[in-house]
Amino acid sequence: MGINNLINKPWFKLITNTYVLVLTAFVIWMLFFDTNSLLIHLELKKEIKKLEKQQEFLRDEITKDKIIIKKLSNKEELEKFAREQYYLKKKNEEIYLIEYADSLKTPH
């Protein structure tokens, strides 16, 4: 009698309906197993956000580099940059590097 009572309940009839079973199987398939599943969409959305952050960082770097290139088009600025970054010198010059105690990487 327990099974007959269960079969006669309205919610059991709804759950065992063929259309509901097929729809449930379809939704589960689309959410988890399909090649365009919800899980894959979430991973791709996360990847898109990461790439957008990287794109913004690279745009900022391009802007900085354009400013440096514009600045280095001046001969005096180019010479200053070469002296500071690459320690270049003119023919009859000597370069002295001065390091302060707080800039050295030795333990105290």
C-alpha atoms as a PDB file:
ATOM      1  CA  MET A   1       0.000   0.000   0.000  1.00  0.00           C
ATOM      2  CA  GLY A   2       2.926   2.372   0.522  1.00  0.00           C
ATOM      3  CA  ILE A   3       3.891   2.308  -3.157  1.00  0.00           C
ATOM      4  CA  ASN A   4       0.276   2.783  -4.319  1.00  0.00           C
ATOM      5  CA  ASN A   5      -0.088   5.832  -2.064  1.00  0.00           C
ATOM      6  CA  LEU A   6       3.192   7.233  -3.426  1.00  0.00           C
ATOM      7  CA  ILE A   7       2.136   6.684  -7.050  1.00  0.00           C
ATOM      8  CA  ASN A   8      -1.161   8.477  -6.492  1.00  0.00           C
ATOM      9  CA  LYS A   9       0.465  11.652  -5.129  1.00  0.00           C
ATOM     10  CA  PRO A  10       0.301  14.630  -7.569  1.00  0.00           C
ATOM     11  CA  TRP A  11       3.987  15.588  -7.199  1.00  0.00           C
ATOM     12  CA  PHE A  12       5.056  12.009  -8.040  1.00  0.00           C
ATOM     13  CA  LYS A  13       2.975  12.110 -11.215  1.00  0.00           C
ATOM     14  CA  LEU A  14       4.601  15.422 -12.150  1.00  0.00           C
ATOM     15  CA  ILE A  15       8.140  14.122 -11.527  1.00  0.00           C
ATOM     16  CA  THR A  16       7.573  10.906 -13.490  1.00  0.00           C
ATOM     17  CA  ASN A  17       6.059  12.747 -16.441  1.00  0.00           C
ATOM     18  CA  THR A  18       8.050  11.946 -19.614  1.00  0.00           C
ATOM     19  CA  TYR A  19       8.399  15.595 -20.601  1.00  0.00           C
ATOM     20  CA  VAL A  20       9.721  16.583 -17.173  1.00  0.00           C
ATOM     21  CA  LEU A  21      12.230  13.720 -17.207  1.00  0.00           C
ATOM     22  CA  VAL A  22      13.467  14.629 -20.694  1.00  0.00           C
ATOM     23  CA  LEU A  23      13.645  18.324 -19.809  1.00  0.00           C
ATOM     24  CA  THR A  24      15.574  17.553 -16.614  1.00  0.00           C
ATOM     25  CA  ALA A  25      18.028  15.341 -18.483  1.00  0.00           C
ATOM     26  CA  PHE A  26      18.451  18.059 -21.136  1.00  0.00           C
ATOM     27  CA  VAL A  27      19.134  20.783 -18.545  1.00  0.00           C
ATOM     28  CA  ILE A  28      21.653  18.612 -16.702  1.00  0.00           C
ATOM     29  CA  TRP A  29      23.374  17.784 -19.999  1.00  0.00           C
ATOM     30  CA  MET A  30      23.553  21.438 -21.054  1.00  0.00           C
ATOM     31  CA  LEU A  31      24.824  22.612 -17.665  1.00  0.00           C
ATOM     32  CA  PHE A  32      27.564  20.054 -17.107  1.00  0.00           C
ATOM     33  CA  PHE A  33      28.359  17.765 -20.047  1.00  0.00           C
ATOM     34  CA  ASP A  34      27.955  19.754 -23.264  1.00  0.00           C
ATOM     35  CA  THR A  35      30.930  21.406 -24.986  1.00  0.00           C
ATOM     36  CA  ASN A  36      29.251  24.766 -24.359  1.00  0.00           C
ATOM     37  CA  SER A  37      28.342  24.013 -20.762  1.00  0.00           C
ATOM     38  CA  LEU A  38      27.855  26.564 -18.028  1.00  0.00           C
ATOM     39  CA  LEU A  39      31.122  25.533 -16.379  1.00  0.00           C
ATOM     40  CA  ILE A  40      33.094  26.202 -19.545  1.00  0.00           C
ATOM     41  CA  HIS A  41      31.378  29.571 -19.939  1.00  0.00           C
ATOM     42  CA  LEU A  42      32.406  30.528 -16.411  1.00  0.00           C
ATOM     43  CA  GLU A  43      36.024  29.529 -17.076  1.00  0.00           C
ATOM     44  CA  LEU A  44      36.045  31.508 -20.304  1.00  0.00           C
ATOM     45  CA  LYS A  45      34.563  34.542 -18.586  1.00  0.00           C
ATOM     46  CA  LYS A  46      37.335  34.370 -15.970  1.00  0.00           C
ATOM     47  CA  GLU A  47      39.942  34.124 -18.747  1.00  0.00           C
ATOM     48  CA  ILE A  48      38.403  37.131 -20.518  1.00  0.00           C
ATOM     49  CA  LYS A  49      38.640  39.238 -17.350  1.00  0.00           C
ATOM     50  CA  LYS A  50      42.283  38.234 -16.909  1.00  0.00           C
ATOM     51  CA  LEU A  51      43.074  39.149 -20.518  1.00  0.00           C
ATOM     52  CA  GLU A  52      41.270  42.483 -20.194  1.00  0.00           C
ATOM     53  CA  LYS A  53      43.416  43.346 -17.155  1.00  0.00           C
ATOM     54  CA  GLN A  54      46.528  42.386 -19.100  1.00  0.00           C
ATOM     55  CA  GLN A  55      45.353  44.477 -22.046  1.00  0.00           C
ATOM     56  CA  GLU A  56      44.871  47.511 -19.800  1.00  0.00           C
ATOM     57  CA  PHE A  57      48.340  47.031 -18.282  1.00  0.00           C
ATOM     58  CA  LEU A  58      49.906  46.785 -21.738  1.00  0.00           C
ATOM     59  CA  ARG A  59      48.071  49.897 -22.906  1.00  0.00           C
ATOM     60  CA  ASP A  60      49.527  51.787 -19.949  1.00  0.00           C
ATOM     61  CA  GLU A  61      52.991  50.467 -20.820  1.00  0.00           C
ATOM     62  CA  ILE A  62      52.551  51.561 -24.450  1.00  0.00           C
ATOM     63  CA  THR A  63      51.580  55.044 -23.278  1.00  0.00           C
ATOM     64  CA  LYS A  64      54.670  55.236 -21.055  1.00  0.00           C
ATOM     65  CA  ASP A  65      56.889  53.992 -23.892  1.00  0.00           C
ATOM     66  CA  LYS A  66      55.445  56.567 -26.310  1.00  0.00           C
ATOM     67  CA  ILE A  67      56.287  59.312 -23.829  1.00  0.00           C
ATOM     68  CA  ILE A  68      59.844  57.979 -23.489  1.00  0.00           C
ATOM     69  CA  ILE A  69      60.249  57.724 -27.281  1.00  0.00           C
ATOM     70  CA  LYS A  70      58.993  61.273 -27.739  1.00  0.00           C
ATOM     71  CA  LYS A  71      61.368  62.424 -25.014  1.00  0.00           C
ATOM     72  CA  LEU A  72      64.329  60.581 -26.570  1.00  0.00           C
ATOM     73  CA  SER A  73      63.812  62.205 -29.953  1.00  0.00           C
ATOM     74  CA  ASN A  74      65.681  65.177 -28.474  1.00  0.00           C
ATOM     75  CA  LYS A  75      69.458  64.691 -28.827  1.00  0.00           C
ATOM     76  CA  GLU A  76      70.288  65.974 -25.347  1.00  0.00           C
ATOM     77  CA  GLU A  77      67.707  63.709 -23.709  1.00  0.00           C
ATOM     78  CA  LEU A  78      69.003  60.718 -25.689  1.00  0.00           C
ATOM     79  CA  GLU A  79      72.536  61.443 -24.524  1.00  0.00           C
ATOM     80  CA  LYS A  80      71.374  61.801 -20.920  1.00  0.00           C
ATOM     81  CA  PHE A  81      69.479  58.503 -21.134  1.00  0.00           C
ATOM     82  CA  ALA A  82      72.507  56.689 -22.594  1.00  0.00           C
ATOM     83  CA  ARG A  83      74.778  58.048 -19.865  1.00  0.00           C
ATOM     84  CA  GLU A  84      72.395  57.119 -17.029  1.00  0.00           C
ATOM     85  CA  GLN A  85      71.228  53.725 -18.221  1.00  0.00           C
ATOM     86  CA  TYR A  86      74.220  52.321 -20.101  1.00  0.00           C
ATOM     87  CA  TYR A  87      77.082  54.322 -18.527  1.00  0.00           C
ATOM     88  CA  LEU A  88      78.254  55.571 -21.913  1.00  0.00           C
ATOM     89  CA  LYS A  89      80.788  58.378 -22.064  1.00  0.00           C
ATOM     90  CA  LYS A  90      82.463  60.715 -24.474  1.00  0.00           C
ATOM     91  CA  LYS A  91      86.074  60.139 -25.598  1.00  0.00           C
ATOM     92  CA  ASN A  92      87.916  62.144 -22.970  1.00  0.00           C
ATOM     93  CA  GLU A  93      85.616  61.569 -20.024  1.00  0.00           C
ATOM     94  CA  GLU A  94      85.805  59.391 -16.955  1.00  0.00           C
ATOM     95  CA  ILE A  95      82.783  58.043 -15.150  1.00  0.00           C
ATOM     96  CA  TYR A  96      82.608  57.710 -11.385  1.00  0.00           C
ATOM     97  CA  LEU A  97      79.822  55.656  -9.870  1.00  0.00           C
ATOM     98  CA  ILE A  98      78.859  56.781  -6.407  1.00  0.00           C
ATOM     99  CA  GLU A  99      76.967  54.309  -4.282  1.00  0.00           C
ATOM    100  CA  TYR A 100      75.492  55.260  -0.978  1.00  0.00           C
ATOM    101  CA  ALA A 101      75.529  52.893   2.000  1.00  0.00           C
ATOM    102  CA  ASP A 102      71.739  52.642   2.052  1.00  0.00           C
ATOM    103  CA  SER A 103      71.624  51.613  -1.634  1.00  0.00           C
ATOM    104  CA  LEU A 104      74.038  48.686  -1.281  1.00  0.00           C
ATOM    105  CA  LYS A 105      72.582  45.206  -1.018  1.00  0.00           C
ATOM    106  CA  THR A 106      74.812  43.980   1.773  1.00  0.00           C
ATOM    107  CA  PRO A 107      73.521  42.818   5.161  1.00  0.00           C
ATOM    108  CA  HIS A 108      74.135  45.271   8.031  1.00  0.00           C
END
